[in-house]
Amino acid sequence: MGEIYKVKPLPFAYNALDGISEQQLKYHHDVHYAAYVKNRNQIEAQLAEMRKKGDFPNIRGLKLNESHNASGMILHEVYWQTLGGKGGEPTGKLAEKIKQDFGSFETWKKEFMAVANGARGWALLCYDLSDNRLHNYSVDFHDQGAVWGSIPIMALDVWEHAYYHDQGPNRSAYFEAFWKNVNWKNINENFERIASKFKK
C-alpha cells in the first residue's frame, strides 16, 4: 500500500516570517509535522492489513493513535496557511462575520488569546456547521476538545515545539511573533469557501 498522505511544503519560505526563525520552522515542519503524516500513513497500512485478515486486535489503541496523528497533520496544515502574512486585522466577509458573532474584532481577539493561554495544544477559530457561526475552540493535544461539525479556518499552535527554539519558555513572545505573521487573506478565503459550501 502506497502513501496516502504527503507532507505539504510550507506555503512561504523558511526565512519569510518575522520573529519565527528558519531553524524553528525546519524543526516544526520538517520533523514534527512530517512525523504526523508518516504516522498516519503507517496507521492506514496497519488498518489495511487488519481488513485483509478480518481481525482487529487492539483496534482501540490504533484508533486513538489515528485520531491524534490525523488531527495533528490537519491542524498543522491549517497553521501553515494561517502564517505568511503581515498581521493586521481581517477584512471582507470574515471581518463582518467576526463582528456579527463576537461583537467586535477586539472582543474576538481577547477571547482567542484567553483560549490560547489556557490551551495545551491549539487555539482554533472554527466555522461550526451546526449553527453557521464562528467559535473559538480550545484543543488539548490535537483532538481533545474538538467539536463535531466544526471546521478550523485559523490555527494557533501552542505546543512548545512551535516556539521553544526561538522563545524558550516565553510563550507571550511567541504570540507576539504569531500575530505579526497572520495571513488574513488565506483565513478569509478559508472562511468564504467553507461558509458558501455549507450555509443553509
Protein backbone atom coordinates (compact mmCIF):
# COMPACT_ATOMS: atom_id res chain seq x y z
CA MET A 1 0.00 0.00 0.00
CA GLY A 2 1.49 3.33 -1.07
CA GLU A 3 1.45 6.50 0.96
CA ILE A 4 -1.97 8.13 1.04
CA TYR A 5 -0.82 11.32 2.72
CA LYS A 6 2.07 13.54 1.66
CA VAL A 7 3.99 16.19 3.54
CA LYS A 8 2.88 19.51 2.08
CA PRO A 9 5.58 22.14 1.64
CA LEU A 10 5.35 25.38 3.55
CA PRO A 11 3.36 27.97 1.58
CA PHE A 12 6.13 30.51 2.29
CA ALA A 13 9.92 30.47 2.52
CA TYR A 14 11.57 29.17 5.68
CA ASN A 15 13.10 32.62 6.29
CA ALA A 16 9.97 34.61 5.44
CA LEU A 17 8.49 35.11 8.92
CA ASP A 18 9.12 37.92 11.37
CA GLY A 19 10.12 36.55 14.77
CA ILE A 20 9.82 32.87 13.82
CA SER A 21 13.19 31.63 12.60
CA GLU A 22 14.15 29.38 9.74
CA GLN A 23 15.50 26.79 12.18
CA GLN A 24 12.30 26.85 14.23
CA LEU A 25 10.27 26.21 11.09
CA LYS A 26 12.57 23.41 9.97
CA TYR A 27 12.15 21.65 13.30
CA HIS A 28 8.41 22.27 13.35
CA HIS A 29 7.57 21.48 9.72
CA ASP A 30 10.23 19.00 8.68
CA VAL A 31 10.31 16.98 11.92
CA HIS A 32 7.13 17.37 13.98
CA TYR A 33 4.53 17.87 11.26
CA ALA A 34 6.20 15.32 8.97
CA ALA A 35 6.03 12.74 11.79
CA TYR A 36 2.22 13.07 11.99
CA VAL A 37 1.96 12.49 8.25
CA LYS A 38 4.27 9.46 8.44
CA ASN A 39 2.41 8.02 11.41
CA ARG A 40 -0.96 8.49 9.72
CA ASN A 41 0.28 6.56 6.70
CA GLN A 42 1.58 3.76 8.94
CA ILE A 43 -1.80 3.54 10.68
CA GLU A 44 -3.56 3.31 7.30
CA ALA A 45 -1.24 0.44 6.35
CA GLN A 46 -1.99 -1.36 9.62
CA LEU A 47 -5.72 -0.94 9.10
CA ALA A 48 -5.44 -2.28 5.56
CA GLU A 49 -3.70 -5.42 6.88
CA MET A 50 -6.35 -5.90 9.54
CA ARG A 51 -9.12 -5.61 6.96
CA LYS A 52 -7.45 -8.23 4.78
CA LYS A 53 -7.29 -10.65 7.71
CA GLY A 54 -10.69 -9.75 9.08
CA ASP A 55 -9.12 -9.45 12.52
CA PHE A 56 -8.83 -6.22 14.51
CA PRO A 57 -6.63 -6.67 17.60
CA ASN A 58 -6.01 -3.57 19.72
CA ILE A 59 -8.29 -1.51 17.49
CA ARG A 60 -8.95 0.95 20.32
CA GLY A 61 -5.28 1.87 20.67
CA LEU A 62 -4.84 2.15 16.91
CA LYS A 63 -7.89 4.37 16.53
CA LEU A 64 -6.71 6.66 19.33
CA ASN A 65 -3.38 6.98 17.54
CA GLU A 66 -5.22 7.64 14.29
CA SER A 67 -7.23 10.49 15.82
CA HIS A 68 -4.10 12.02 17.34
CA ASN A 69 -1.95 11.82 14.20
CA ALA A 70 -4.65 12.67 11.66
CA SER A 71 -5.70 15.70 13.69
CA GLY A 72 -2.05 16.70 14.16
CA MET A 73 -1.49 16.56 10.43
CA ILE A 74 -4.63 18.53 9.56
CA LEU A 75 -4.20 21.24 12.19
CA HIS A 76 -0.59 21.84 11.21
CA GLU A 77 -1.68 22.32 7.61
CA VAL A 78 -4.22 24.93 8.76
CA TYR A 79 -1.48 26.54 10.87
CA TRP A 80 0.88 26.88 7.90
CA GLN A 81 -1.94 28.55 5.94
CA THR A 82 -2.56 30.89 8.88
CA LEU A 83 1.01 32.22 8.65
CA GLY A 84 2.91 34.01 5.91
CA GLY A 85 1.09 37.34 6.05
CA LYS A 86 1.74 40.73 7.60
CA GLY A 87 -0.67 40.65 10.53
CA GLY A 88 -3.16 43.47 10.97
CA GLU A 89 -6.87 42.74 11.01
CA PRO A 90 -9.25 40.76 8.77
CA THR A 91 -11.27 42.42 6.06
CA GLY A 92 -14.24 41.49 3.92
CA LYS A 93 -16.78 38.84 4.86
CA LEU A 94 -14.65 37.35 7.63
CA ALA A 95 -14.39 40.73 9.37
CA GLU A 96 -18.16 41.13 9.13
CA LYS A 97 -18.77 37.63 10.49
CA ILE A 98 -16.38 38.13 13.42
CA LYS A 99 -18.22 41.34 14.33
CA GLN A 100 -21.57 39.58 13.99
CA ASP A 101 -20.61 36.58 16.14
CA PHE A 102 -18.32 38.22 18.72
CA GLY A 103 -19.36 41.88 18.77
CA SER A 104 -16.02 43.23 17.58
CA PHE A 105 -12.60 42.13 16.39
CA GLU A 106 -11.11 43.27 19.70
CA THR A 107 -13.52 41.08 21.68
CA TRP A 108 -12.85 38.11 19.42
CA LYS A 109 -9.08 38.51 19.75
CA LYS A 110 -9.26 38.87 23.53
CA GLU A 111 -11.25 35.63 23.76
CA PHE A 112 -8.98 33.85 21.27
CA MET A 113 -5.90 34.79 23.30
CA ALA A 114 -7.54 33.67 26.53
CA VAL A 115 -8.13 30.32 24.82
CA ALA A 116 -4.51 30.24 23.61
CA ASN A 117 -3.17 30.93 27.09
CA GLY A 118 -5.26 28.14 28.57
CA ALA A 119 -4.85 25.51 25.85
CA ARG A 120 -2.30 22.72 25.91
CA GLY A 121 -2.36 22.15 22.17
CA TRP A 122 -4.25 24.57 19.95
CA ALA A 123 -6.41 27.68 19.84
CA LEU A 124 -8.70 27.39 16.83
CA LEU A 125 -11.11 29.70 15.05
CA CYS A 126 -13.70 27.37 13.56
CA TYR A 127 -16.78 27.65 11.40
CA ASP A 128 -19.38 25.44 13.07
CA LEU A 129 -21.81 23.77 10.67
CA SER A 130 -24.36 23.17 13.44
CA ASP A 131 -25.17 26.87 13.81
CA ASN A 132 -23.30 28.61 10.96
CA ARG A 133 -21.32 30.65 13.46
CA LEU A 134 -17.67 31.21 14.25
CA HIS A 135 -16.35 29.80 17.52
CA ASN A 136 -13.01 29.83 19.32
CA TYR A 137 -12.26 26.30 20.47
CA SER A 138 -9.57 25.08 22.85
CA VAL A 139 -7.98 21.77 21.87
CA ASP A 140 -5.57 19.79 24.03
CA PHE A 141 -3.09 17.58 22.21
CA HIS A 142 -4.62 17.53 18.71
CA ASP A 143 -8.05 16.04 19.29
CA GLN A 144 -9.28 16.60 22.85
CA GLY A 145 -11.79 19.44 22.82
CA ALA A 146 -12.63 19.24 19.13
CA VAL A 147 -16.31 19.80 18.27
CA TRP A 148 -18.05 17.63 15.70
CA GLY A 149 -19.10 19.53 12.57
CA SER A 150 -16.72 22.44 13.12
CA ILE A 151 -14.06 23.26 10.54
CA PRO A 152 -10.88 25.11 11.60
CA ILE A 153 -10.16 28.14 9.43
CA MET A 154 -7.35 29.54 11.62
CA ALA A 155 -4.97 27.74 13.96
CA LEU A 156 -2.51 28.83 16.62
CA ASP A 157 -0.20 26.01 17.69
CA VAL A 158 0.65 26.39 21.39
CA TRP A 159 2.69 23.20 21.77
CA GLU A 160 6.18 24.01 22.97
CA HIS A 161 7.66 22.59 19.79
CA ALA A 162 6.09 25.55 17.93
CA TYR A 163 8.25 28.14 19.66
CA TYR A 164 10.81 26.76 22.10
CA HIS A 165 13.82 27.08 19.80
CA ASP A 166 13.15 30.80 19.36
CA GLN A 167 11.47 31.98 22.54
CA GLY A 168 12.20 29.25 25.09
CA PRO A 169 9.51 29.26 27.79
CA ASN A 170 8.34 32.79 26.85
CA ARG A 171 5.04 31.89 25.23
CA SER A 172 3.87 35.51 25.14
CA ALA A 173 6.83 36.46 22.90
CA TYR A 174 5.80 33.68 20.52
CA PHE A 175 2.25 35.01 20.47
CA GLU A 176 3.58 38.45 19.51
CA ALA A 177 5.53 36.88 16.64
CA PHE A 178 2.48 34.89 15.56
CA TRP A 179 0.29 37.98 15.21
CA LYS A 180 2.93 39.73 13.11
CA ASN A 181 2.69 36.93 10.55
CA VAL A 182 -1.03 36.15 10.40
CA ASN A 183 -2.26 35.80 6.81
CA TRP A 184 -5.78 37.19 6.92
CA LYS A 185 -6.17 36.76 3.16
CA ASN A 186 -5.81 32.97 3.47
CA ILE A 187 -8.05 32.81 6.53
CA ASN A 188 -10.74 34.86 4.79
CA GLU A 189 -10.55 32.59 1.75
CA ASN A 190 -10.91 29.53 4.00
CA PHE A 191 -13.94 31.07 5.65
CA GLU A 192 -15.65 32.12 2.41
CA ARG A 193 -15.08 28.73 0.77
CA ILE A 194 -16.48 26.79 3.71
CA ALA A 195 -19.36 29.14 4.50
CA SER A 196 -20.54 29.28 0.89
CA LYS A 197 -20.44 25.50 0.59
CA PHE A 198 -22.32 24.66 3.75
CA LYS A 199 -24.52 27.63 4.64
CA LYS A 200 -28.17 26.64 4.92
